[in-house]
C-alpha atoms as a PDB file:
ATOM      1  CA  MET A   1      91.523 102.010 112.689  1.00  0.00           C
ATOM      2  CA  ASN A   2      89.444 103.332 115.568  1.00  0.00           C
ATOM      3  CA  ILE A   3      91.003 100.773 117.871  1.00  0.00           C
ATOM      4  CA  PHE A   4      94.408 102.400 117.389  1.00  0.00           C
ATOM      5  CA  GLY A   5      92.955 105.789 118.402  1.00  0.00           C
ATOM      6  CA  VAL A   6      92.806 104.493 121.968  1.00  0.00           C
ATOM      7  CA  PHE A   7      96.577 104.970 122.134  1.00  0.00           C
ATOM      8  CA  PHE A   8      96.099 108.747 122.043  1.00  0.00           C
ATOM      9  CA  PHE A   9      93.392 108.929 124.699  1.00  0.00           C
ATOM     10  CA  GLY A  10      94.626 110.705 127.821  1.00  0.00           C
ATOM     11  CA  ARG A  11      98.225 111.145 126.593  1.00  0.00           C
ATOM     12  CA  HIS A  12      99.093 114.778 127.319  1.00  0.00           C
ATOM     13  CA  GLU A  13     102.537 114.516 128.899  1.00  0.00           C
ATOM     14  CA  GLN A  14     105.740 114.663 126.924  1.00  0.00           C
ATOM     15  CA  THR A  15     107.023 111.518 128.632  1.00  0.00           C
ATOM     16  CA  ASN A  16     104.248 109.541 126.956  1.00  0.00           C
ATOM     17  CA  LEU A  17     105.291 110.722 123.486  1.00  0.00           C
ATOM     18  CA  PHE A  18     107.627 107.791 122.886  1.00  0.00           C
ATOM     19  CA  SER A  19     104.983 105.354 124.038  1.00  0.00           C
ATOM     20  CA  VAL A  20     102.436 106.803 121.621  1.00  0.00           C
ATOM     21  CA  MET A  21     104.921 106.914 118.743  1.00  0.00           C
ATOM     22  CA  GLY A  22     105.942 103.307 119.366  1.00  0.00           C
ATOM     23  CA  SER A  23     102.323 102.220 119.508  1.00  0.00           C
ATOM     24  CA  MET A  24     101.521 103.967 116.233  1.00  0.00           C
ATOM     25  CA  TYR A  25     104.610 102.457 114.618  1.00  0.00           C
ATOM     26  CA  GLY A  26     103.449  99.018 115.715  1.00  0.00           C
ATOM     27  CA  ALA A  27      99.939  99.689 114.416  1.00  0.00           C
ATOM     28  CA  VAL A  28     101.152 100.811 110.994  1.00  0.00           C
ATOM     29  CA  LEU A  29     103.559  97.893 110.799  1.00  0.00           C
ATOM     30  CA  PHE A  30     100.759  95.475 111.701  1.00  0.00           C
ATOM     31  CA  ILE A  31      98.464  96.875 108.997  1.00  0.00           C
ATOM     32  CA  GLY A  32     101.251  96.726 106.399  1.00  0.00           C
ATOM     33  CA  VAL A  33     102.145  93.120 107.176  1.00  0.00           C
ATOM     34  CA  ASN A  34      98.467  92.171 107.193  1.00  0.00           C
ATOM     35  CA  ASN A  35      97.918  93.712 103.747  1.00  0.00           C
ATOM     36  CA  ALA A  36     101.071  92.102 102.357  1.00  0.00           C
ATOM     37  CA  SER A  37     100.054  88.659 103.586  1.00  0.00           C
ATOM     38  CA  THR A  38      96.598  89.101 102.074  1.00  0.00           C
ATOM     39  CA  VAL A  39      98.010  89.883  98.616  1.00  0.00           C
ATOM     40  CA  GLN A  40     100.606  87.114  98.628  1.00  0.00           C
ATOM     41  CA  PRO A  41      98.399  84.265  97.230  1.00  0.00           C
ATOM     42  CA  VAL A  42      97.196  86.451  94.360  1.00  0.00           C
ATOM     43  CA  VAL A  43     100.744  87.438  93.437  1.00  0.00           C
ATOM     44  CA  ALA A  44     101.877  83.810  93.507  1.00  0.00           C
ATOM     45  CA  ILE A  45      99.153  82.768  91.059  1.00  0.00           C
ATOM     46  CA  GLU A  46      99.828  85.689  88.720  1.00  0.00           C
ATOM     47  CA  ARG A  47     103.569  84.998  88.805  1.00  0.00           C
ATOM     48  CA  THR A  48     103.013  81.429  87.635  1.00  0.00           C
ATOM     49  CA  ILE A  49     100.812  82.614  84.784  1.00  0.00           C
ATOM     50  CA  PHE A  50     103.316  85.315  83.842  1.00  0.00           C
ATOM     51  CA  TYR A  51     106.222  82.838  83.705  1.00  0.00           C
ATOM     52  CA  ARG A  52     104.222  80.408  81.585  1.00  0.00           C
ATOM     53  CA  GLU A  53     103.120  83.045  79.086  1.00  0.00           C
ATOM     54  CA  ARG A  54     106.554  84.684  79.031  1.00  0.00           C
ATOM     55  CA  ALA A  55     108.159  81.322  78.201  1.00  0.00           C
ATOM     56  CA  ALA A  56     105.665  80.891  75.386  1.00  0.00           C
ATOM     57  CA  GLY A  57     106.810  84.230  73.933  1.00  0.00           C
ATOM     58  CA  MET A  58     103.451  85.956  74.279  1.00  0.00           C
ATOM     59  CA  TYR A  59     104.814  89.266  75.608  1.00  0.00           C
ATOM     60  CA  SER A  60     107.606  90.933  77.512  1.00  0.00           C
ATOM     61  CA  ALA A  61     107.535  92.305  81.040  1.00  0.00           C
ATOM     62  CA  ILE A  62     106.829  95.982  80.254  1.00  0.00           C
ATOM     63  CA  PRO A  63     103.519  95.493  78.383  1.00  0.00           C
ATOM     64  CA  TYR A  64     102.406  93.081  81.116  1.00  0.00           C
ATOM     65  CA  ALA A  65     103.142  95.648  83.827  1.00  0.00           C
ATOM     66  CA  ILE A  66     101.358  98.409  81.871  1.00  0.00           C
ATOM     67  CA  ALA A  67      98.321  96.171  81.409  1.00  0.00           C
ATOM     68  CA  GLN A  68      98.246  95.377  85.144  1.00  0.00           C
ATOM     69  CA  VAL A  69      98.409  99.073  86.061  1.00  0.00           C
ATOM     70  CA  ASN A  70      95.674  99.974  83.561  1.00  0.00           C
ATOM     71  CA  PHE A  71      93.445  97.206  84.886  1.00  0.00           C
ATOM     72  CA  PHE A  72      93.823  98.184  88.529  1.00  0.00           C
ATOM     73  CA  ILE A  73      93.355 101.902  87.864  1.00  0.00           C
ATOM     74  CA  THR A  74      90.104 101.124  86.064  1.00  0.00           C
ATOM     75  CA  TYR A  75      89.066  98.700  88.789  1.00  0.00           C
ATOM     76  CA  PHE A  76      89.676 101.179  91.613  1.00  0.00           C
ATOM     77  CA  CYS A  77      87.901 103.976  89.728  1.00  0.00           C
ATOM     78  CA  LEU A  78      84.842 101.783  89.260  1.00  0.00           C
ATOM     79  CA  ILE A  79      84.863 100.804  92.906  1.00  0.00           C
ATOM     80  CA  LYS A  80      85.074 104.448  93.924  1.00  0.00           C
ATOM     81  CA  ILE A  81      82.119 105.388  91.701  1.00  0.00           C
ATOM     82  CA  TYR A  82      79.882 102.620  92.984  1.00  0.00           C
END
């Protein structure tokens, strides 16, 4: 994130406002696309497992979603503690 702070260095004129805003928009868009592409393989694997277990009648979508949320909340809390 420090790399994107360079966009603000020495920008004190109002004419540079659009340049800075466009640069920050591009930076945020880049980070979002990067995160989305990182998660994509994990989601693809979990989707296959979900479809297989759903077809077998193991559970419906709502309990699966609740279990995923509970798992990730616990996971992120443990990461934050340690």
